[in-house]
Structure formats: structure tokens, C-alpha cells
């Protein structure tokens, strides 16, 4: 199947790119610059992996989201909270309907380049706070993409039943150097080590029994683990 991969440059999307390369014809990768604090850190890694594999990479600017939407993930929002994704404070990082907007664009783009499907790295760990990452949403969006395109574009989500730990293990099996990915929502020069995505990243490597190649500003004890 000819597919387009949504490639942010984070752990999940880079792993899903290589997962897709193992079983599909990846004809393009899409990144979105929507005004998130970490977009400038993340997107260069997306381009690196697309270029390395000879795949066309496009960055689509969605600057209206930074101007009009409310979220602390955006440059126009407040500070990124520290802590685990399970904490209520992490809901501050939700960008309303982000995946719905990006998948709508990806569906139109995929049909325009005669692709058959769009691949997204949504996974079970996202479900707790991100309503547009949950499988009921993905099922509905996939149905809309199929019904709304002549090509009956399919929405592929190979990691939807996996957590971050399983994705880390799969990435290791695929030979991915996770130092060439970005997670930290704060968008500094190095990963902070304390925001929700950094905690999740550190936790995934720990639980997977894999060395963590990431340089962090701080590495306090992980929640629920001995120091």
C-alpha cells in the first residue's frame, strides 16, 4: 500500500515511520508546525529520517492554531507543567482537535498524491488525556476519511494498542537511534527531564530495559519507582 506518514520527529512517529517502511511503500512524510514550543526541536529530526530514507518530506504551517487555540503546549500559552501524564495538570497541554485537523489535511494530501493510506503513531498511552488519540475517535476519523475521498483513504494506526514501552522496544528492534528523536514539550536546547513527555520517555526506556541515549537537564526519580 502507498502511504503517507505523519512524522513529528518524536519517538512514536519515527518508530511508526520505520514500521511502515517494513510493510508499505512510504511515498511522503508530513510534519506540522502549529506553534508548539517544541516544533523547532522536533521537526528537524522528522526531516532527517525522511531524507535518510529518500522520502519526500513536507512541513505544513498551521500558525492559526497558535493564534486562536488555547493550550500551554503552544508558544502563545503558559508554562509547560512538570509531572506525569496521569496528572490532571497535563490536560493543559491538550491542543483542541489537533489530530482531527492534521488528519483532515493528510487525507486530502494523500489523495492528491495517489496514496492509499495515512499512518499515525497514536498509542494507548496518549488516551488518558488526549481525546483525539483514542480509538473511538480514530475509528470515526478513519471512517470519515474513507467516506470523504474517492480513493477511500485508509487510516492506519499500528500502535493504537501499544504503550510507550512497547514502542521503545519495537524501535530498538528496528534499529532506531532514539537520540535522533525529540520529546520534550518545553523546547529547550536539551530535554528538561521533568515535563510529561520527558517523564514518559524516561519511563519507557526504563521499563523496556533499554539504555536511554537522551541528555536531560534533570533526572529526578521517576514516579512510582525507587530512586
C-alpha atoms as a PDB file:
ATOM      1  CA  UNK A   1       0.000   0.000   0.000  1.00  0.00           C
ATOM      2  CA  UNK A   2       1.187   3.526  -0.800  1.00  0.00           C
ATOM      3  CA  UNK A   3       1.074   5.546   2.403  1.00  0.00           C
ATOM      4  CA  UNK A   4       1.819   8.974   3.838  1.00  0.00           C
ATOM      5  CA  UNK A   5       3.245   9.031   7.374  1.00  0.00           C
ATOM      6  CA  UNK A   6       2.540  11.758   9.916  1.00  0.00           C
ATOM      7  CA  UNK A   7       6.067  12.366  11.166  1.00  0.00           C
ATOM      8  CA  UNK A   8       6.579  14.809  14.026  1.00  0.00           C
ATOM      9  CA  UNK A   9      10.131  13.761  14.843  1.00  0.00           C
ATOM     10  CA  UNK A  10       9.234  12.244  18.215  1.00  0.00           C
ATOM     11  CA  UNK A  11       9.852   8.674  19.398  1.00  0.00           C
ATOM     12  CA  UNK A  12       6.464   7.358  18.353  1.00  0.00           C
ATOM     13  CA  UNK A  13       6.263   8.858  14.882  1.00  0.00           C
ATOM     14  CA  UNK A  14       9.856   7.975  13.973  1.00  0.00           C
ATOM     15  CA  UNK A  15       9.218   4.392  15.049  1.00  0.00           C
ATOM     16  CA  UNK A  16       5.982   4.234  13.060  1.00  0.00           C
ATOM     17  CA  UNK A  17       7.851   5.510  10.002  1.00  0.00           C
ATOM     18  CA  UNK A  18      10.229   2.554  10.141  1.00  0.00           C
ATOM     19  CA  UNK A  19       7.330   0.227  10.935  1.00  0.00           C
ATOM     20  CA  UNK A  20       5.579   1.490   7.800  1.00  0.00           C
ATOM     21  CA  UNK A  21       8.727   1.154   5.722  1.00  0.00           C
ATOM     22  CA  UNK A  22       8.825  -2.544   6.640  1.00  0.00           C
ATOM     23  CA  UNK A  23       5.420  -3.261   5.142  1.00  0.00           C
ATOM     24  CA  UNK A  24       4.305  -0.394   2.886  1.00  0.00           C
ATOM     25  CA  UNK A  25       5.508   1.954   0.164  1.00  0.00           C
ATOM     26  CA  UNK A  26       6.009   5.218   2.054  1.00  0.00           C
ATOM     27  CA  UNK A  27       5.673   7.969  -0.531  1.00  0.00           C
ATOM     28  CA  UNK A  28       5.669  11.066   1.714  1.00  0.00           C
ATOM     29  CA  UNK A  29       6.019  12.297   5.287  1.00  0.00           C
ATOM     30  CA  UNK A  30       4.107  15.223   6.728  1.00  0.00           C
ATOM     31  CA  UNK A  31       5.133  17.403   9.668  1.00  0.00           C
ATOM     32  CA  UNK A  32       3.008  20.217  11.079  1.00  0.00           C
ATOM     33  CA  UNK A  33       4.345  23.454  12.530  1.00  0.00           C
ATOM     34  CA  UNK A  34       1.345  24.537  14.583  1.00  0.00           C
ATOM     35  CA  UNK A  35       3.116  26.824  17.031  1.00  0.00           C
ATOM     36  CA  UNK A  36       4.073  24.266  19.667  1.00  0.00           C
ATOM     37  CA  UNK A  37       7.012  25.254  21.856  1.00  0.00           C
ATOM     38  CA  UNK A  38       8.940  22.176  20.726  1.00  0.00           C
ATOM     39  CA  UNK A  39       8.204  22.213  16.968  1.00  0.00           C
ATOM     40  CA  UNK A  40      11.591  23.757  16.165  1.00  0.00           C
ATOM     41  CA  UNK A  41      13.368  20.969  18.069  1.00  0.00           C
ATOM     42  CA  UNK A  42      11.255  18.126  16.727  1.00  0.00           C
ATOM     43  CA  UNK A  43      10.739  18.811  13.017  1.00  0.00           C
ATOM     44  CA  UNK A  44      14.465  18.704  12.070  1.00  0.00           C
ATOM     45  CA  UNK A  45      14.525  15.072  13.254  1.00  0.00           C
ATOM     46  CA  UNK A  46      11.487  14.328  11.091  1.00  0.00           C
ATOM     47  CA  UNK A  47      13.305  15.728   8.072  1.00  0.00           C
ATOM     48  CA  UNK A  48      16.464  13.811   8.971  1.00  0.00           C
ATOM     49  CA  UNK A  49      14.684  10.443   8.945  1.00  0.00           C
ATOM     50  CA  UNK A  50      12.653  11.208   5.817  1.00  0.00           C
ATOM     51  CA  UNK A  51      15.764  12.370   3.937  1.00  0.00           C
ATOM     52  CA  UNK A  52      17.761   9.372   5.115  1.00  0.00           C
ATOM     53  CA  UNK A  53      15.189   7.082   3.553  1.00  0.00           C
ATOM     54  CA  UNK A  54      14.753   9.098   0.362  1.00  0.00           C
ATOM     55  CA  UNK A  55      11.164  10.094   1.194  1.00  0.00           C
ATOM     56  CA  UNK A  56       9.609  13.442   0.316  1.00  0.00           C
ATOM     57  CA  UNK A  57       9.121  15.498   3.499  1.00  0.00           C
ATOM     58  CA  UNK A  58       6.716  18.414   3.785  1.00  0.00           C
ATOM     59  CA  UNK A  59       6.238  20.773   6.725  1.00  0.00           C
ATOM     60  CA  UNK A  60       2.799  22.369   6.789  1.00  0.00           C
ATOM     61  CA  UNK A  61       2.396  25.613   8.708  1.00  0.00           C
ATOM     62  CA  UNK A  62      -0.718  25.828  10.887  1.00  0.00           C
ATOM     63  CA  UNK A  63       0.074  29.119  12.575  1.00  0.00           C
ATOM     64  CA  UNK A  64      -3.601  29.891  13.133  1.00  0.00           C
ATOM     65  CA  UNK A  65      -3.612  27.297  15.928  1.00  0.00           C
ATOM     66  CA  UNK A  66      -1.032  29.264  17.907  1.00  0.00           C
ATOM     67  CA  UNK A  67      -3.048  32.450  17.401  1.00  0.00           C
ATOM     68  CA  UNK A  68      -6.555  31.139  18.009  1.00  0.00           C
ATOM     69  CA  UNK A  69      -6.360  27.993  20.135  1.00  0.00           C
ATOM     70  CA  UNK A  70      -5.857  27.748  23.885  1.00  0.00           C
ATOM     71  CA  UNK A  71      -3.148  25.360  25.097  1.00  0.00           C
ATOM     72  CA  UNK A  72       0.002  25.632  27.166  1.00  0.00           C
ATOM     73  CA  UNK A  73       1.733  23.473  24.548  1.00  0.00           C
ATOM     74  CA  UNK A  74       1.605  26.457  22.193  1.00  0.00           C
ATOM     75  CA  UNK A  75       4.019  29.365  22.215  1.00  0.00           C
ATOM     76  CA  UNK A  76       1.051  31.639  22.989  1.00  0.00           C
ATOM     77  CA  UNK A  77       0.177  29.579  26.083  1.00  0.00           C
ATOM     78  CA  UNK A  78       1.549  29.378  29.606  1.00  0.00           C
ATOM     79  CA  UNK A  79       4.365  27.277  31.008  1.00  0.00           C
ATOM     80  CA  UNK A  80       4.600  23.538  30.425  1.00  0.00           C
ATOM     81  CA  UNK A  81       3.760  21.697  33.667  1.00  0.00           C
ATOM     82  CA  UNK A  82       6.120  19.149  35.168  1.00  0.00           C
ATOM     83  CA  UNK A  83       4.886  15.731  36.192  1.00  0.00           C
ATOM     84  CA  UNK A  84       3.434  12.504  34.853  1.00  0.00           C
ATOM     85  CA  UNK A  85       0.856  12.315  32.082  1.00  0.00           C
ATOM     86  CA  UNK A  86      -1.582  10.758  34.548  1.00  0.00           C
ATOM     87  CA  UNK A  87      -1.755  14.052  36.436  1.00  0.00           C
ATOM     88  CA  UNK A  88      -4.656  16.425  35.874  1.00  0.00           C
ATOM     89  CA  UNK A  89      -2.281  19.315  35.138  1.00  0.00           C
ATOM     90  CA  UNK A  90      -1.165  17.679  31.886  1.00  0.00           C
ATOM     91  CA  UNK A  91      -4.544  18.463  30.332  1.00  0.00           C
ATOM     92  CA  UNK A  92      -3.144  21.981  29.955  1.00  0.00           C
ATOM     93  CA  UNK A  93      -1.043  20.641  27.052  1.00  0.00           C
ATOM     94  CA  UNK A  94      -4.016  19.416  25.006  1.00  0.00           C
ATOM     95  CA  UNK A  95      -4.371  21.310  21.710  1.00  0.00           C
ATOM     96  CA  UNK A  96      -8.089  21.113  20.847  1.00  0.00           C
ATOM     97  CA  UNK A  97      -8.820  18.704  17.966  1.00  0.00           C
ATOM     98  CA  UNK A  98      -5.197  18.770  16.796  1.00  0.00           C
ATOM     99  CA  UNK A  99      -5.252  15.279  15.308  1.00  0.00           C
ATOM    100  CA  UNK A 100      -8.590  15.894  13.625  1.00  0.00           C
ATOM    101  CA  UNK A 101      -7.182  18.933  11.833  1.00  0.00           C
ATOM    102  CA  UNK A 102      -3.936  17.229  10.849  1.00  0.00           C
ATOM    103  CA  UNK A 103      -5.625  14.044   9.655  1.00  0.00           C
ATOM    104  CA  UNK A 104      -8.070  16.031   7.543  1.00  0.00           C
ATOM    105  CA  UNK A 105      -5.162  17.728   5.790  1.00  0.00           C
ATOM    106  CA  UNK A 106      -3.287  14.441   5.468  1.00  0.00           C
ATOM    107  CA  UNK A 107      -6.311  12.744   3.868  1.00  0.00           C
ATOM    108  CA  UNK A 108      -6.565  15.439   1.189  1.00  0.00           C
ATOM    109  CA  UNK A 109      -2.815  15.361   0.612  1.00  0.00           C
ATOM    110  CA  UNK A 110      -2.749  11.555   0.386  1.00  0.00           C
ATOM    111  CA  UNK A 111      -5.477  11.507  -2.239  1.00  0.00           C
ATOM    112  CA  UNK A 112      -3.699  14.269  -4.152  1.00  0.00           C
ATOM    113  CA  UNK A 113      -0.531  12.156  -4.465  1.00  0.00           C
ATOM    114  CA  UNK A 114      -2.492   8.952  -5.215  1.00  0.00           C
ATOM    115  CA  UNK A 115      -1.608   7.340  -1.886  1.00  0.00           C
ATOM    116  CA  UNK A 116      -3.939   4.773  -0.351  1.00  0.00           C
ATOM    117  CA  UNK A 117      -3.484   5.444   3.334  1.00  0.00           C
ATOM    118  CA  UNK A 118      -2.262   7.698   6.134  1.00  0.00           C
ATOM    119  CA  UNK A 119      -0.199   6.316   9.028  1.00  0.00           C
ATOM    120  CA  UNK A 120      -0.369   7.862  12.506  1.00  0.00           C
ATOM    121  CA  UNK A 121       1.531   6.818  15.653  1.00  0.00           C
ATOM    122  CA  UNK A 122      -1.315   7.282  18.159  1.00  0.00           C
ATOM    123  CA  UNK A 123      -0.822   4.851  21.047  1.00  0.00           C
ATOM    124  CA  UNK A 124      -2.576   3.716  24.204  1.00  0.00           C
ATOM    125  CA  UNK A 125      -0.500   5.939  26.492  1.00  0.00           C
ATOM    126  CA  UNK A 126      -1.995   9.038  24.865  1.00  0.00           C
ATOM    127  CA  UNK A 127      -5.577   8.075  25.589  1.00  0.00           C
ATOM    128  CA  UNK A 128      -5.816   9.275  29.167  1.00  0.00           C
ATOM    129  CA  UNK A 129      -5.705  12.988  28.386  1.00  0.00           C
ATOM    130  CA  UNK A 130      -5.947  13.338  24.589  1.00  0.00           C
ATOM    131  CA  UNK A 131      -9.483  12.618  23.314  1.00  0.00           C
ATOM    132  CA  UNK A 132      -8.357  12.789  19.679  1.00  0.00           C
ATOM    133  CA  UNK A 133      -5.866   9.954  20.208  1.00  0.00           C
ATOM    134  CA  UNK A 134      -8.403   7.414  21.475  1.00  0.00           C
ATOM    135  CA  UNK A 135      -9.505   4.523  19.291  1.00  0.00           C
ATOM    136  CA  UNK A 136     -13.191   5.581  19.093  1.00  0.00           C
ATOM    137  CA  UNK A 137     -12.024   8.891  17.625  1.00  0.00           C
ATOM    138  CA  UNK A 138      -9.587   7.142  15.285  1.00  0.00           C
ATOM    139  CA  UNK A 139     -12.322   4.775  14.095  1.00  0.00           C
ATOM    140  CA  UNK A 140     -14.647   7.697  13.410  1.00  0.00           C
ATOM    141  CA  UNK A 141     -11.925   9.723  11.694  1.00  0.00           C
ATOM    142  CA  UNK A 142     -10.889   6.734   9.594  1.00  0.00           C
ATOM    143  CA  UNK A 143     -14.489   6.272   8.511  1.00  0.00           C
ATOM    144  CA  UNK A 144     -14.742   9.966   7.598  1.00  0.00           C
ATOM    145  CA  UNK A 145     -11.509   9.822   5.600  1.00  0.00           C
ATOM    146  CA  UNK A 146     -12.725   6.782   3.690  1.00  0.00           C
ATOM    147  CA  UNK A 147     -16.164   8.212   3.042  1.00  0.00           C
ATOM    148  CA  UNK A 148     -14.850  11.654   2.147  1.00  0.00           C
ATOM    149  CA  UNK A 149     -12.319  10.655  -0.528  1.00  0.00           C
ATOM    150  CA  UNK A 150     -12.703   8.992  -3.923  1.00  0.00           C
ATOM    151  CA  UNK A 151      -9.619   6.927  -3.098  1.00  0.00           C
ATOM    152  CA  UNK A 152     -11.215   5.676   0.143  1.00  0.00           C
ATOM    153  CA  UNK A 153      -8.120   6.740   2.073  1.00  0.00           C
ATOM    154  CA  UNK A 154      -7.417   4.391   4.988  1.00  0.00           C
ATOM    155  CA  UNK A 155      -6.214   5.498   8.411  1.00  0.00           C
ATOM    156  CA  UNK A 156      -3.537   3.104   9.673  1.00  0.00           C
ATOM    157  CA  UNK A 157      -2.692   3.148  13.373  1.00  0.00           C
ATOM    158  CA  UNK A 158      -0.396   0.200  14.077  1.00  0.00           C
ATOM    159  CA  UNK A 159       0.476   1.337  17.622  1.00  0.00           C
ATOM    160  CA  UNK A 160      -3.037   2.061  18.885  1.00  0.00           C
ATOM    161  CA  UNK A 161      -2.983  -0.893  21.318  1.00  0.00           C
ATOM    162  CA  UNK A 162       0.645  -0.362  22.372  1.00  0.00           C
ATOM    163  CA  UNK A 163       2.108   1.791  25.120  1.00  0.00           C
ATOM    164  CA  UNK A 164       5.297   3.842  25.001  1.00  0.00           C
ATOM    165  CA  UNK A 165       7.362   0.995  26.460  1.00  0.00           C
ATOM    166  CA  UNK A 166       6.281  -1.360  23.683  1.00  0.00           C
ATOM    167  CA  UNK A 167       7.054   1.327  21.099  1.00  0.00           C
ATOM    168  CA  UNK A 168      10.543   1.772  22.560  1.00  0.00           C
ATOM    169  CA  UNK A 169      11.124  -1.976  22.289  1.00  0.00           C
ATOM    170  CA  UNK A 170       9.831  -2.040  18.714  1.00  0.00           C
ATOM    171  CA  UNK A 171      12.046   0.883  17.796  1.00  0.00           C
ATOM    172  CA  UNK A 172      15.074  -0.933  19.201  1.00  0.00           C
ATOM    173  CA  UNK A 173      14.165  -3.985  17.119  1.00  0.00           C
ATOM    174  CA  UNK A 174      14.020  -1.753  14.045  1.00  0.00           C
ATOM    175  CA  UNK A 175      17.469  -0.337  14.834  1.00  0.00           C
ATOM    176  CA  UNK A 176      16.359   3.213  15.572  1.00  0.00           C
ATOM    177  CA  UNK A 177      18.787   5.548  17.322  1.00  0.00           C
ATOM    178  CA  UNK A 178      16.411   7.333  19.672  1.00  0.00           C
ATOM    179  CA  UNK A 179      18.982  10.061  20.227  1.00  0.00           C
ATOM    180  CA  UNK A 180      17.735  11.223  16.820  1.00  0.00           C
ATOM    181  CA  UNK A 181      14.240  11.946  18.148  1.00  0.00           C
ATOM    182  CA  UNK A 182      12.765  14.693  20.305  1.00  0.00           C
ATOM    183  CA  UNK A 183      10.130  14.535  23.056  1.00  0.00           C
ATOM    184  CA  UNK A 184      10.443  17.483  25.469  1.00  0.00           C
ATOM    185  CA  UNK A 185       7.485  19.856  25.296  1.00  0.00           C
ATOM    186  CA  UNK A 186       9.474  22.782  26.698  1.00  0.00           C
ATOM    187  CA  UNK A 187      11.581  23.096  23.575  1.00  0.00           C
ATOM    188  CA  UNK A 188      14.880  23.992  25.210  1.00  0.00           C
ATOM    189  CA  UNK A 189      18.353  23.140  23.989  1.00  0.00           C
ATOM    190  CA  UNK A 190      18.199  19.754  25.731  1.00  0.00           C
ATOM    191  CA  UNK A 191      15.371  17.651  27.166  1.00  0.00           C
ATOM    192  CA  UNK A 192      14.229  19.024  30.540  1.00  0.00           C
ATOM    193  CA  UNK A 193      13.663  15.561  32.045  1.00  0.00           C
ATOM    194  CA  UNK A 194      10.668  16.669  34.133  1.00  0.00           C
ATOM    195  CA  UNK A 195       7.756  17.528  31.809  1.00  0.00           C
ATOM    196  CA  UNK A 196       5.156  14.891  30.979  1.00  0.00           C
ATOM    197  CA  UNK A 197       6.754  13.812  27.705  1.00  0.00           C
ATOM    198  CA  UNK A 198      10.221  13.610  29.238  1.00  0.00           C
ATOM    199  CA  UNK A 199       8.920  11.560  32.170  1.00  0.00           C
ATOM    200  CA  UNK A 200       7.096   9.251  29.766  1.00  0.00           C
ATOM    201  CA  UNK A 201      10.233   8.920  27.615  1.00  0.00           C
ATOM    202  CA  UNK A 202      12.455   8.110  30.603  1.00  0.00           C
ATOM    203  CA  UNK A 203       9.884   5.674  31.957  1.00  0.00           C
ATOM    204  CA  UNK A 204       9.584   3.880  28.596  1.00  0.00           C
ATOM    205  CA  UNK A 205      13.324   3.208  28.343  1.00  0.00           C
ATOM    206  CA  UNK A 206      13.433   2.113  31.979  1.00  0.00           C
ATOM    207  CA  UNK A 207      10.538  -0.335  31.652  1.00  0.00           C
ATOM    208  CA  UNK A 208      11.793  -1.616  28.295  1.00  0.00           C
ATOM    209  CA  UNK A 209      15.207  -2.347  29.805  1.00  0.00           C
ATOM    210  CA  UNK A 210      16.888  -0.206  27.159  1.00  0.00           C
ATOM    211  CA  UNK A 211      19.674   2.358  27.557  1.00  0.00           C
ATOM    212  CA  UNK A 212      18.336   5.901  27.311  1.00  0.00           C
ATOM    213  CA  UNK A 213      20.519   7.916  24.901  1.00  0.00           C
ATOM    214  CA  UNK A 214      18.860  11.204  25.825  1.00  0.00           C
ATOM    215  CA  UNK A 215      20.675  14.073  27.534  1.00  0.00           C
ATOM    216  CA  UNK A 216      18.411  15.573  30.207  1.00  0.00           C
ATOM    217  CA  UNK A 217      18.715  18.754  32.220  1.00  0.00           C
ATOM    218  CA  UNK A 218      17.396  16.943  35.304  1.00  0.00           C
ATOM    219  CA  UNK A 219      16.631  13.317  36.137  1.00  0.00           C
ATOM    220  CA  UNK A 220      14.671  13.233  39.385  1.00  0.00           C
ATOM    221  CA  UNK A 221      13.255   9.864  40.477  1.00  0.00           C
ATOM    222  CA  UNK A 222      10.512   8.575  38.210  1.00  0.00           C
ATOM    223  CA  UNK A 223       7.047   8.486  39.810  1.00  0.00           C
ATOM    224  CA  UNK A 224       6.382   5.066  41.300  1.00  0.00           C
ATOM    225  CA  UNK A 225       9.983   3.867  41.035  1.00  0.00           C
ATOM    226  CA  UNK A 226      12.647   3.757  43.717  1.00  0.00           C
ATOM    227  CA  UNK A 227      15.256   6.490  43.449  1.00  0.00           C
END
